[in-house]
Amino acid sequence: QVQLVESGGGLVQPGGSLRLSCAASGFTFSLYAMNWYRQAPGKERELVATITSVGGGRNYADSVKGRFTISRDNAKNTVYLQMNSLKPEDTAVYYCKTRFGYRDYWGQGTQVTVSS
């Protein structure tokens, strides 16, 4: 079955960096775009970044442009989110997601907390 497993979250000080990973299994990873979303307490889930199947196209939310970088390693079936210059407002649960067969598949999420 399809599985998406995020890791790499944690507590970091403002200005710090984290790299999130999402390991995928149960489908042909290289064929599908991948997304990172986040959800802060009391807020709706929002799209953070998207990468196309072969990695040539990337899109970012305005709030993270220039600070976050999405990438993928199709040989490892893994998508990454490098987060630099983190701000308290980046605090959220981060999820990876893919879509195929008219269905969305989500990971369980990883908590990122930016605080001094």
PDB file of N, CA and C in Angstrom:
ATOM      1  N   GLN A   1       0.845  -1.179   0.000  1.00  0.00           N
ATOM      2  CA  GLN A   1       0.000   0.000   0.000  1.00  0.00           C
ATOM      3  C   GLN A   1       0.891   1.243   0.000  1.00  0.00           C
ATOM      4  N   VAL A   2       0.288   2.362  -0.376  1.00  0.00           N
ATOM      5  CA  VAL A   2       1.023   3.617  -0.430  1.00  0.00           C
ATOM      6  C   VAL A   2       1.363   4.074   0.985  1.00  0.00           C
ATOM      7  N   GLN A   3       2.630   4.418   1.166  1.00  0.00           N
ATOM      8  CA  GLN A   3       3.075   4.974   2.448  1.00  0.00           C
ATOM      9  C   GLN A   3       3.972   6.171   2.205  1.00  0.00           C
ATOM     10  N   LEU A   4       3.739   7.208   2.988  1.00  0.00           N
ATOM     11  CA  LEU A   4       4.588   8.392   3.012  1.00  0.00           C
ATOM     12  C   LEU A   4       4.979   8.622   4.465  1.00  0.00           C
ATOM     13  N   VAL A   5       6.268   8.636   4.737  1.00  0.00           N
ATOM     14  CA  VAL A   5       6.746   8.750   6.107  1.00  0.00           C
ATOM     15  C   VAL A   5       7.698   9.936   6.217  1.00  0.00           C
ATOM     16  N   GLU A   6       7.247  10.974   6.933  1.00  0.00           N
ATOM     17  CA  GLU A   6       8.066  12.172   7.132  1.00  0.00           C
ATOM     18  C   GLU A   6       8.987  11.997   8.329  1.00  0.00           C
ATOM     19  N   SER A   7      10.110  12.696   8.280  1.00  0.00           N
ATOM     20  CA  SER A   7      11.045  12.744   9.397  1.00  0.00           C
ATOM     21  C   SER A   7      11.850  14.022   9.312  1.00  0.00           C
ATOM     22  N   GLY A   8      12.562  14.329  10.398  1.00  0.00           N
ATOM     23  CA  GLY A   8      13.455  15.478  10.384  1.00  0.00           C
ATOM     24  C   GLY A   8      12.964  16.700  11.124  1.00  0.00           C
ATOM     25  N   GLY A   9      11.735  16.651  11.622  1.00  0.00           N
ATOM     26  CA  GLY A   9      11.233  17.791  12.373  1.00  0.00           C
ATOM     27  C   GLY A   9      11.911  17.915  13.730  1.00  0.00           C
ATOM     28  N   GLY A  10      11.592  19.005  14.413  1.00  0.00           N
ATOM     29  CA  GLY A  10      12.164  19.218  15.735  1.00  0.00           C
ATOM     30  C   GLY A  10      12.044  20.651  16.174  1.00  0.00           C
ATOM     31  N   LEU A  11      12.761  20.969  17.240  1.00  0.00           N
ATOM     32  CA  LEU A  11      12.792  22.325  17.793  1.00  0.00           C
ATOM     33  C   LEU A  11      14.054  23.019  17.304  1.00  0.00           C
ATOM     34  N   VAL A  12      13.895  24.225  16.779  1.00  0.00           N
ATOM     35  CA  VAL A  12      15.031  24.980  16.257  1.00  0.00           C
ATOM     36  C   VAL A  12      14.838  26.455  16.620  1.00  0.00           C
ATOM     37  N   GLN A  13      15.927  27.150  16.819  1.00  0.00           N
ATOM     38  CA  GLN A  13      15.854  28.570  17.129  1.00  0.00           C
ATOM     39  C   GLN A  13      15.592  29.393  15.867  1.00  0.00           C
ATOM     40  N   PRO A  14      15.002  30.558  16.029  1.00  0.00           N
ATOM     41  CA  PRO A  14      14.816  31.439  14.860  1.00  0.00           C
ATOM     42  C   PRO A  14      16.141  31.676  14.145  1.00  0.00           C
ATOM     43  N   GLY A  15      16.082  31.627  12.814  1.00  0.00           N
ATOM     44  CA  GLY A  15      17.276  31.756  12.008  1.00  0.00           C
ATOM     45  C   GLY A  15      17.963  30.444  11.702  1.00  0.00           C
ATOM     46  N   GLY A  16      17.526  29.388  12.344  1.00  0.00           N
ATOM     47  CA  GLY A  16      18.134  28.087  12.148  1.00  0.00           C
ATOM     48  C   GLY A  16      17.613  27.362  10.917  1.00  0.00           C
ATOM     49  N   SER A  17      18.091  26.128  10.756  1.00  0.00           N
ATOM     50  CA  SER A  17      17.742  25.315   9.588  1.00  0.00           C
ATOM     51  C   SER A  17      17.323  23.918  10.005  1.00  0.00           C
ATOM     52  N   LEU A  18      16.489  23.320   9.174  1.00  0.00           N
ATOM     53  CA  LEU A  18      16.104  21.920   9.296  1.00  0.00           C
ATOM     54  C   LEU A  18      15.933  21.355   7.895  1.00  0.00           C
ATOM     55  N   ARG A  19      16.158  20.052   7.779  1.00  0.00           N
ATOM     56  CA  ARG A  19      15.845  19.368   6.525  1.00  0.00           C
ATOM     57  C   ARG A  19      14.851  18.257   6.817  1.00  0.00           C
ATOM     58  N   LEU A  20      13.700  18.366   6.191  1.00  0.00           N
ATOM     59  CA  LEU A  20      12.680  17.331   6.314  1.00  0.00           C
ATOM     60  C   LEU A  20      12.844  16.321   5.186  1.00  0.00           C
ATOM     61  N   SER A  21      12.520  15.070   5.494  1.00  0.00           N
ATOM     62  CA  SER A  21      12.532  14.004   4.495  1.00  0.00           C
ATOM     63  C   SER A  21      11.172  13.326   4.474  1.00  0.00           C
ATOM     64  N   CYS A  22      10.812  12.826   3.320  1.00  0.00           N
ATOM     65  CA  CYS A  22       9.580  12.049   3.175  1.00  0.00           C
ATOM     66  C   CYS A  22       9.916  10.821   2.330  1.00  0.00           C
ATOM     67  N   ALA A  23       9.907   9.671   2.967  1.00  0.00           N
ATOM     68  CA  ALA A  23      10.203   8.415   2.282  1.00  0.00           C
ATOM     69  C   ALA A  23       8.911   7.804   1.760  1.00  0.00           C
ATOM     70  N   ALA A  24       8.892   7.504   0.473  1.00  0.00           N
ATOM     71  CA  ALA A  24       7.687   6.999  -0.177  1.00  0.00           C
ATOM     72  C   ALA A  24       7.839   5.525  -0.542  1.00  0.00           C
ATOM     73  N   SER A  25       6.729   4.807  -0.513  1.00  0.00           N
ATOM     74  CA  SER A  25       6.724   3.416  -0.935  1.00  0.00           C
ATOM     75  C   SER A  25       5.321   3.040  -1.395  1.00  0.00           C
ATOM     76  N   GLY A  26       5.241   1.945  -2.143  1.00  0.00           N
ATOM     77  CA  GLY A  26       3.953   1.434  -2.574  1.00  0.00           C
ATOM     78  C   GLY A  26       3.433   1.986  -3.881  1.00  0.00           C
ATOM     79  N   PHE A  27       4.229   2.826  -4.540  1.00  0.00           N
ATOM     80  CA  PHE A  27       3.852   3.354  -5.855  1.00  0.00           C
ATOM     81  C   PHE A  27       5.132   3.746  -6.592  1.00  0.00           C
ATOM     82  N   THR A  28       4.995   4.040  -7.883  1.00  0.00           N
ATOM     83  CA  THR A  28       6.157   4.401  -8.687  1.00  0.00           C
ATOM     84  C   THR A  28       6.453   5.879  -8.468  1.00  0.00           C
ATOM     85  N   PHE A  29       7.300   6.115  -7.486  1.00  0.00           N
ATOM     86  CA  PHE A  29       7.569   7.467  -6.996  1.00  0.00           C
ATOM     87  C   PHE A  29       7.979   8.425  -8.115  1.00  0.00           C
ATOM     88  N   SER A  30       8.793   7.959  -9.029  1.00  0.00           N
ATOM     89  CA  SER A  30       9.378   8.856 -10.039  1.00  0.00           C
ATOM     90  C   SER A  30       8.349   9.418 -11.011  1.00  0.00           C
ATOM     91  N   LEU A  31       7.152   8.866 -11.028  1.00  0.00           N
ATOM     92  CA  LEU A  31       6.147   9.298 -11.997  1.00  0.00           C
ATOM     93  C   LEU A  31       5.285  10.459 -11.515  1.00  0.00           C
ATOM     94  N   TYR A  32       5.388  10.807 -10.230  1.00  0.00           N
ATOM     95  CA  TYR A  32       4.406  11.734  -9.672  1.00  0.00           C
ATOM     96  C   TYR A  32       5.034  12.942  -8.994  1.00  0.00           C
ATOM     97  N   ALA A  33       4.344  14.078  -9.144  1.00  0.00           N
ATOM     98  CA  ALA A  33       4.731  15.260  -8.401  1.00  0.00           C
ATOM     99  C   ALA A  33       4.546  15.023  -6.904  1.00  0.00           C
ATOM    100  N   MET A  34       5.329  15.736  -6.128  1.00  0.00           N
ATOM    101  CA  MET A  34       5.248  15.637  -4.673  1.00  0.00           C
ATOM    102  C   MET A  34       5.080  17.030  -4.090  1.00  0.00           C
ATOM    103  N   ASN A  35       4.406  17.084  -2.959  1.00  0.00           N
ATOM    104  CA  ASN A  35       4.116  18.359  -2.309  1.00  0.00           C
ATOM    105  C   ASN A  35       4.470  18.308  -0.826  1.00  0.00           C
ATOM    106  N   TRP A  36       4.836  19.456  -0.294  1.00  0.00           N
ATOM    107  CA  TRP A  36       4.907  19.654   1.145  1.00  0.00           C
ATOM    108  C   TRP A  36       3.818  20.660   1.535  1.00  0.00           C
ATOM    109  N   TYR A  37       3.073  20.299   2.559  1.00  0.00           N
ATOM    110  CA  TYR A  37       2.070  21.174   3.159  1.00  0.00           C
ATOM    111  C   TYR A  37       2.452  21.395   4.627  1.00  0.00           C
ATOM    112  N   ARG A  38       1.816  22.383   5.225  1.00  0.00           N
ATOM    113  CA  ARG A  38       1.966  22.562   6.668  1.00  0.00           C
ATOM    114  C   ARG A  38       0.653  23.052   7.259  1.00  0.00           C
ATOM    115  N   GLN A  39       0.501  22.762   8.546  1.00  0.00           N
ATOM    116  CA  GLN A  39      -0.682  23.214   9.261  1.00  0.00           C
ATOM    117  C   GLN A  39      -0.288  23.683  10.648  1.00  0.00           C
ATOM    118  N   ALA A  40      -0.506  24.965  10.883  1.00  0.00           N
ATOM    119  CA  ALA A  40      -0.237  25.556  12.189  1.00  0.00           C
ATOM    120  C   ALA A  40      -1.486  25.446  13.054  1.00  0.00           C
ATOM    121  N   PRO A  41      -1.333  25.501  14.375  1.00  0.00           N
ATOM    122  CA  PRO A  41      -2.498  25.405  15.266  1.00  0.00           C
ATOM    123  C   PRO A  41      -3.541  26.461  14.941  1.00  0.00           C
ATOM    124  N   GLY A  42      -4.780  26.034  14.783  1.00  0.00           N
ATOM    125  CA  GLY A  42      -5.867  26.963  14.527  1.00  0.00           C
ATOM    126  C   GLY A  42      -5.945  27.489  13.113  1.00  0.00           C
ATOM    127  N   LYS A  43      -5.082  26.983  12.228  1.00  0.00           N
ATOM    128  CA  LYS A  43      -5.072  27.462  10.846  1.00  0.00           C
ATOM    129  C   LYS A  43      -5.336  26.317   9.879  1.00  0.00           C
ATOM    130  N   GLU A  44      -5.702  26.684   8.664  1.00  0.00           N
ATOM    131  CA  GLU A  44      -5.924  25.676   7.636  1.00  0.00           C
ATOM    132  C   GLU A  44      -4.590  25.158   7.102  1.00  0.00           C
ATOM    133  N   ARG A  45      -4.635  23.938   6.580  1.00  0.00           N
ATOM    134  CA  ARG A  45      -3.444  23.375   5.963  1.00  0.00           C
ATOM    135  C   ARG A  45      -3.126  24.175   4.703  1.00  0.00           C
ATOM    136  N   GLU A  46      -1.848  24.490   4.508  1.00  0.00           N
ATOM    137  CA  GLU A  46      -1.448  25.284   3.351  1.00  0.00           C
ATOM    138  C   GLU A  46      -0.334  24.600   2.580  1.00  0.00           C
ATOM    139  N   LEU A  47      -0.358  24.818   1.257  1.00  0.00           N
ATOM    140  CA  LEU A  47       0.677  24.282   0.392  1.00  0.00           C
ATOM    141  C   LEU A  47       1.953  25.102   0.541  1.00  0.00           C
ATOM    142  N   VAL A  48       3.054  24.411   0.783  1.00  0.00           N
ATOM    143  CA  VAL A  48       4.344  25.078   0.971  1.00  0.00           C
ATOM    144  C   VAL A  48       5.195  25.005  -0.290  1.00  0.00           C
ATOM    145  N   ALA A  49       5.296  23.809  -0.877  1.00  0.00           N
ATOM    146  CA  ALA A  49       6.170  23.633  -2.031  1.00  0.00           C
ATOM    147  C   ALA A  49       5.736  22.419  -2.831  1.00  0.00           C
ATOM    148  N   THR A  50       6.022  22.473  -4.134  1.00  0.00           N
ATOM    149  CA  THR A  50       5.701  21.389  -5.059  1.00  0.00           C
ATOM    150  C   THR A  50       6.895  21.141  -5.953  1.00  0.00           C
ATOM    151  N   ILE A  51       7.124  19.867  -6.269  1.00  0.00           N
ATOM    152  CA  ILE A  51       8.169  19.512  -7.222  1.00  0.00           C
ATOM    153  C   ILE A  51       7.589  18.520  -8.214  1.00  0.00           C
ATOM    154  N   THR A  52       7.926  18.703  -9.494  1.00  0.00           N
ATOM    155  CA  THR A  52       7.414  17.812 -10.530  1.00  0.00           C
ATOM    156  C   THR A  52       8.092  16.450 -10.462  1.00  0.00           C
ATOM    157  N   SER A  53       7.601  15.531 -11.264  1.00  0.00           N
ATOM    158  CA  SER A  53       8.058  14.147 -11.181  1.00  0.00           C
ATOM    159  C   SER A  53       9.547  14.007 -11.467  1.00  0.00           C
ATOM    160  N   VAL A  54      10.057  14.769 -12.422  1.00  0.00           N
ATOM    161  CA  VAL A  54      11.486  14.661 -12.738  1.00  0.00           C
ATOM    162  C   VAL A  54      12.295  15.756 -12.069  1.00  0.00           C
ATOM    163  N   GLY A  55      11.638  16.562 -11.274  1.00  0.00           N
ATOM    164  CA  GLY A  55      12.346  17.543 -10.460  1.00  0.00           C
ATOM    165  C   GLY A  55      12.685  18.839 -11.161  1.00  0.00           C
ATOM    166  N   GLY A  56      12.258  18.989 -12.426  1.00  0.00           N
ATOM    167  CA  GLY A  56      12.627  20.205 -13.135  1.00  0.00           C
ATOM    168  C   GLY A  56      11.796  21.412 -12.765  1.00  0.00           C
ATOM    169  N   GLY A  57      10.614  21.186 -12.212  1.00  0.00           N
ATOM    170  CA  GLY A  57       9.746  22.297 -11.871  1.00  0.00           C
ATOM    171  C   GLY A  57       9.492  22.353 -10.382  1.00  0.00           C
ATOM    172  N   ARG A  58       9.641  23.540  -9.831  1.00  0.00           N
ATOM    173  CA  ARG A  58       9.402  23.739  -8.398  1.00  0.00           C
ATOM    174  C   ARG A  58       8.572  24.994  -8.217  1.00  0.00           C
ATOM    175  N   ASN A  59       7.680  24.945  -7.256  1.00  0.00           N
ATOM    176  CA  ASN A  59       6.885  26.112  -6.884  1.00  0.00           C
ATOM    177  C   ASN A  59       6.838  26.226  -5.367  1.00  0.00           C
ATOM    178  N   TYR A  60       6.753  27.477  -4.914  1.00  0.00           N
ATOM    179  CA  TYR A  60       6.788  27.730  -3.483  1.00  0.00           C
ATOM    180  C   TYR A  60       5.712  28.738  -3.090  1.00  0.00           C
ATOM    181  N   ALA A  61       5.228  28.600  -1.871  1.00  0.00           N
ATOM    182  CA  ALA A  61       4.385  29.643  -1.305  1.00  0.00           C
ATOM    183  C   ALA A  61       5.222  30.909  -1.142  1.00  0.00           C
ATOM    184  N   ASP A  62       4.576  32.059  -1.300  1.00  0.00           N
ATOM    185  CA  ASP A  62       5.298  33.324  -1.183  1.00  0.00           C
ATOM    186  C   ASP A  62       6.000  33.444   0.171  1.00  0.00           C
ATOM    187  N   SER A  63       5.387  32.884   1.194  1.00  0.00           N
ATOM    188  CA  SER A  63       5.920  33.025   2.550  1.00  0.00           C
ATOM    189  C   SER A  63       7.239  32.296   2.770  1.00  0.00           C
ATOM    190  N   VAL A  64       7.590  31.362   1.878  1.00  0.00           N
ATOM    191  CA  VAL A  64       8.817  30.593   2.072  1.00  0.00           C
ATOM    192  C   VAL A  64       9.813  30.769   0.931  1.00  0.00           C
ATOM    193  N   LYS A  65       9.461  31.507  -0.102  1.00  0.00           N
ATOM    194  CA  LYS A  65      10.369  31.707  -1.236  1.00  0.00           C
ATOM    195  C   LYS A  65      11.680  32.303  -0.773  1.00  0.00           C
ATOM    196  N   GLY A  66      12.768  31.733  -1.284  1.00  0.00           N
ATOM    197  CA  GLY A  66      14.088  32.214  -0.932  1.00  0.00           C
ATOM    198  C   GLY A  66      14.634  31.615   0.350  1.00  0.00           C
ATOM    199  N   ARG A  67      13.796  30.911   1.102  1.00  0.00           N
ATOM    200  CA  ARG A  67      14.243  30.302   2.361  1.00  0.00           C
ATOM    201  C   ARG A  67      14.154  28.775   2.321  1.00  0.00           C
ATOM    202  N   PHE A  68      13.157  28.245   1.641  1.00  0.00           N
ATOM    203  CA  PHE A  68      12.939  26.798   1.576  1.00  0.00           C
ATOM    204  C   PHE A  68      13.289  26.288   0.178  1.00  0.00           C
ATOM    205  N   THR A  69      13.781  25.053   0.117  1.00  0.00           N
ATOM    206  CA  THR A  69      14.078  24.402  -1.155  1.00  0.00           C
ATOM    207  C   THR A  69      13.549  22.980  -1.129  1.00  0.00           C
ATOM    208  N   ILE A  70      12.733  22.655  -2.121  1.00  0.00           N
ATOM    209  CA  ILE A  70      12.232  21.290  -2.261  1.00  0.00           C
ATOM    210  C   ILE A  70      13.108  20.558  -3.274  1.00  0.00           C
ATOM    211  N   SER A  71      13.382  19.294  -2.998  1.00  0.00           N
ATOM    212  CA  SER A  71      14.168  18.478  -3.918  1.00  0.00           C
ATOM    213  C   SER A  71      13.715  17.029  -3.781  1.00  0.00           C
ATOM    214  N   ARG A  72      14.165  16.203  -4.700  1.00  0.00           N
ATOM    215  CA  ARG A  72      13.802  14.796  -4.644  1.00  0.00           C
ATOM    216  C   ARG A  72      14.944  13.941  -5.151  1.00  0.00           C
ATOM    217  N   ASP A  73      14.980  12.714  -4.663  1.00  0.00           N
ATOM    218  CA  ASP A  73      15.931  11.707  -5.129  1.00  0.00           C
ATOM    219  C   ASP A  73      15.095  10.509  -5.557  1.00  0.00           C
ATOM    220  N   ASN A  74      14.880  10.376  -6.841  1.00  0.00           N
ATOM    221  CA  ASN A  74      14.015   9.303  -7.328  1.00  0.00           C
ATOM    222  C   ASN A  74      14.636   7.920  -7.115  1.00  0.00           C
ATOM    223  N   ALA A  75      15.949   7.855  -6.997  1.00  0.00           N
ATOM    224  CA  ALA A  75      16.600   6.565  -6.719  1.00  0.00           C
ATOM    225  C   ALA A  75      16.322   6.108  -5.286  1.00  0.00           C
ATOM    226  N   LYS A  76      16.078   7.063  -4.403  1.00  0.00           N
ATOM    227  CA  LYS A  76      15.809   6.744  -3.002  1.00  0.00           C
ATOM    228  C   LYS A  76      14.332   6.868  -2.639  1.00  0.00           C
ATOM    229  N   ASN A  77      13.500   7.220  -3.625  1.00  0.00           N
ATOM    230  CA  ASN A  77      12.064   7.402  -3.361  1.00  0.00           C
ATOM    231  C   ASN A  77      11.821   8.362  -2.207  1.00  0.00           C
ATOM    232  N   THR A  78      12.545   9.461  -2.235  1.00  0.00           N
ATOM    233  CA  THR A  78      12.476  10.407  -1.125  1.00  0.00           C
ATOM    234  C   THR A  78      12.387  11.836  -1.646  1.00  0.00           C
ATOM    235  N   VAL A  79      11.553  12.625  -0.986  1.00  0.00           N
ATOM    236  CA  VAL A  79      11.470  14.053  -1.257  1.00  0.00           C
ATOM    237  C   VAL A  79      11.916  14.799   0.000  1.00  0.00           C
ATOM    238  N   TYR A  80      12.574  15.918  -0.214  1.00  0.00           N
ATOM    239  CA  TYR A  80      13.162  16.683   0.886  1.00  0.00           C
ATOM    240  C   TYR A  80      12.607  18.106   0.909  1.00  0.00           C
ATOM    241  N   LEU A  81      12.680  18.717   2.073  1.00  0.00           N
ATOM    242  CA  LEU A  81      12.395  20.138   2.202  1.00  0.00           C
ATOM    243  C   LEU A  81      13.494  20.742   3.077  1.00  0.00           C
ATOM    244  N   GLN A  82      14.391  21.483   2.449  1.00  0.00           N
ATOM    245  CA  GLN A  82      15.426  22.196   3.183  1.00  0.00           C
ATOM    246  C   GLN A  82      14.867  23.544   3.613  1.00  0.00           C
ATOM    247  N   MET A  83      14.884  23.784   4.905  1.00  0.00           N
ATOM    248  CA  MET A  83      14.298  25.001   5.456  1.00  0.00           C
ATOM    249  C   MET A  83      15.389  25.806   6.144  1.00  0.00           C
ATOM    250  N   ASN A  84      15.658  26.982   5.626  1.00  0.00           N
ATOM    251  CA  ASN A  84      16.668  27.884   6.186  1.00  0.00           C
ATOM    252  C   ASN A  84      16.006  29.160   6.699  1.00  0.00           C
ATOM    253  N   SER A  85      16.738  29.887   7.495  1.00  0.00           N
ATOM    254  CA  SER A  85      16.259  31.165   8.040  1.00  0.00           C
ATOM    255  C   SER A  85      14.864  31.022   8.636  1.00  0.00           C
ATOM    256  N   LEU A  86      14.711  30.013   9.444  1.00  0.00           N
ATOM    257  CA  LEU A  86      13.389  29.699   9.992  1.00  0.00           C
ATOM    258  C   LEU A  86      12.895  30.800  10.913  1.00  0.00           C
ATOM    259  N   LYS A  87      11.576  30.998  10.874  1.00  0.00           N
ATOM    260  CA  LYS A  87      10.902  32.021  11.663  1.00  0.00           C
ATOM    261  C   LYS A  87       9.873  31.362  12.581  1.00  0.00           C
ATOM    262  N   PRO A  88       9.510  32.017  13.654  1.00  0.00           N
ATOM    263  CA  PRO A  88       8.478  31.439  14.527  1.00  0.00           C
ATOM    264  C   PRO A  88       7.190  31.105  13.779  1.00  0.00           C
ATOM    265  N   GLU A  89       6.857  31.893  12.778  1.00  0.00           N
ATOM    266  CA  GLU A  89       5.628  31.634  12.017  1.00  0.00           C
ATOM    267  C   GLU A  89       5.723  30.409  11.110  1.00  0.00           C
ATOM    268  N   ASP A  90       6.898  29.794  11.024  1.00  0.00           N
ATOM    269  CA  ASP A  90       7.037  28.522  10.301  1.00  0.00           C
ATOM    270  C   ASP A  90       6.645  27.335  11.179  1.00  0.00           C
ATOM    271  N   THR A  91       6.378  27.580  12.445  1.00  0.00           N
ATOM    272  CA  THR A  91       5.977  26.504  13.345  1.00  0.00           C
ATOM    273  C   THR A  91       4.682  25.864  12.863  1.00  0.00           C
ATOM    274  N   ALA A  92       4.720  24.550  12.669  1.00  0.00           N
ATOM    275  CA  ALA A  92       3.568  23.831  12.126  1.00  0.00           C
ATOM    276  C   ALA A  92       3.898  22.346  12.073  1.00  0.00           C
ATOM    277  N   VAL A  93       2.886  21.553  11.789  1.00  0.00           N
ATOM    278  CA  VAL A  93       3.109  20.166  11.394  1.00  0.00           C
ATOM    279  C   VAL A  93       3.254  20.158   9.872  1.00  0.00           C
ATOM    280  N   TYR A  94       4.326  19.541   9.402  1.00  0.00           N
ATOM    281  CA  TYR A  94       4.625  19.495   7.978  1.00  0.00           C
ATOM    282  C   TYR A  94       4.286  18.105   7.436  1.00  0.00           C
ATOM    283  N   TYR A  95       3.575  18.107   6.305  1.00  0.00           N
ATOM    284  CA  TYR A  95       3.111  16.871   5.678  1.00  0.00           C
ATOM    285  C   TYR A  95       3.606  16.790   4.238  1.00  0.00           C
ATOM    286  N   CYS A  96       3.944  15.601   3.798  1.00  0.00           N
ATOM    287  CA  CYS A  96       4.139  15.417   2.368  1.00  0.00           C
ATOM    288  C   CYS A  96       2.891  14.766   1.786  1.00  0.00           C
ATOM    289  N   LYS A  97       2.686  15.018   0.513  1.00  0.00           N
ATOM    290  CA  LYS A  97       1.498  14.550  -0.158  1.00  0.00           C
ATOM    291  C   LYS A  97       1.776  14.267  -1.618  1.00  0.00           C
ATOM    292  N   THR A  98       1.106  13.252  -2.143  1.00  0.00           N
ATOM    293  CA  THR A  98       1.109  13.034  -3.573  1.00  0.00           C
ATOM    294  C   THR A  98      -0.327  12.735  -4.011  1.00  0.00           C
ATOM    295  N   ARG A  99      -0.524  12.755  -5.324  1.00  0.00           N
ATOM    296  CA  ARG A  99      -1.866  12.514  -5.842  1.00  0.00           C
ATOM    297  C   ARG A  99      -1.764  11.679  -7.106  1.00  0.00           C
ATOM    298  N   PHE A 100      -2.499  10.596  -7.156  1.00  0.00           N
ATOM    299  CA  PHE A 100      -2.663   9.830  -8.381  1.00  0.00           C
ATOM    300  C   PHE A 100      -3.899   8.972  -8.264  1.00  0.00           C
ATOM    301  N   GLY A 101      -4.420   8.564  -9.375  1.00  0.00           N
ATOM    302  CA  GLY A 101      -5.650   7.789  -9.360  1.00  0.00           C
ATOM    303  C   GLY A 101      -6.805   8.545  -8.738  1.00  0.00           C
ATOM    304  N   TYR A 102      -6.801   9.897  -8.936  1.00  0.00           N
ATOM    305  CA  TYR A 102      -7.851  10.765  -8.399  1.00  0.00           C
ATOM    306  C   TYR A 102      -7.942  10.723  -6.888  1.00  0.00           C
ATOM    307  N   ARG A 103      -6.820  10.426  -6.236  1.00  0.00           N
ATOM    308  CA  ARG A 103      -6.833  10.337  -4.785  1.00  0.00           C
ATOM    309  C   ARG A 103      -5.566  10.980  -4.234  1.00  0.00           C
ATOM    310  N   ASP A 104      -5.719  11.651  -3.098  1.00  0.00           N
ATOM    311  CA  ASP A 104      -4.584  12.216  -2.386  1.00  0.00           C
ATOM    312  C   ASP A 104      -4.075  11.231  -1.345  1.00  0.00           C
ATOM    313  N   TYR A 105      -2.760  11.176  -1.214  1.00  0.00           N
ATOM    314  CA  TYR A 105      -2.114  10.348  -0.195  1.00  0.00           C
ATOM    315  C   TYR A 105      -1.241  11.252   0.666  1.00  0.00           C
ATOM    316  N   TRP A 106      -1.401  11.126   1.987  1.00  0.00           N
ATOM    317  CA  TRP A 106      -0.715  11.988   2.942  1.00  0.00           C
ATOM    318  C   TRP A 106       0.152  11.165   3.886  1.00  0.00           C
ATOM    319  N   GLY A 107       1.237  11.775   4.326  1.00  0.00           N
ATOM    320  CA  GLY A 107       1.995  11.200   5.422  1.00  0.00           C
ATOM    321  C   GLY A 107       1.375  11.576   6.756  1.00  0.00           C
ATOM    322  N   GLN A 108       2.015  11.128   7.837  1.00  0.00           N
ATOM    323  CA  GLN A 108       1.472  11.371   9.178  1.00  0.00           C
ATOM    324  C   GLN A 108       1.884  12.720   9.736  1.00  0.00           C
ATOM    325  N   GLY A 109       2.876  13.340   9.112  1.00  0.00           N
ATOM    326  CA  GLY A 109       3.312  14.662   9.530  1.00  0.00           C
ATOM    327  C   GLY A 109       4.494  14.623  10.481  1.00  0.00           C
ATOM    328  N   THR A 110       5.252  15.717  10.480  1.00  0.00           N
ATOM    329  CA  THR A 110       6.359  15.886  11.415  1.00  0.00           C
ATOM    330  C   THR A 110       6.305  17.312  11.961  1.00  0.00           C
ATOM    331  N   GLN A 111       6.466  17.439  13.269  1.00  0.00           N
ATOM    332  CA  GLN A 111       6.324  18.733  13.928  1.00  0.00           C
ATOM    333  C   GLN A 111       7.601  19.551  13.790  1.00  0.00           C
ATOM    334  N   VAL A 112       7.444  20.805  13.376  1.00  0.00           N
ATOM    335  CA  VAL A 112       8.540  21.770  13.358  1.00  0.00           C
ATOM    336  C   VAL A 112       8.152  22.912  14.283  1.00  0.00           C
ATOM    337  N   THR A 113       9.012  23.180  15.244  1.00  0.00           N
ATOM    338  CA  THR A 113       8.780  24.270  16.185  1.00  0.00           C
ATOM    339  C   THR A 113       9.968  25.215  16.147  1.00  0.00           C
ATOM    340  N   VAL A 114       9.691  26.478  15.857  1.00  0.00           N
ATOM    341  CA  VAL A 114      10.734  27.497  15.784  1.00  0.00           C
ATOM    342  C   VAL A 114      10.531  28.439  16.970  1.00  0.00           C
ATOM    343  N   SER A 115      11.439  28.374  17.911  1.00  0.00           N
ATOM    344  CA  SER A 115      11.288  29.140  19.136  1.00  0.00           C
ATOM    345  C   SER A 115      12.635  29.310  19.815  1.00  0.00           C
ATOM    346  N   SER A 116      12.784  30.441  20.485  1.00  0.00           N
ATOM    347  CA  SER A 116      13.999  30.668  21.266  1.00  0.00           C
ATOM    348  C   SER A 116      13.787  30.238  22.713  1.00  0.00           C
TER     349      SER A 116
END
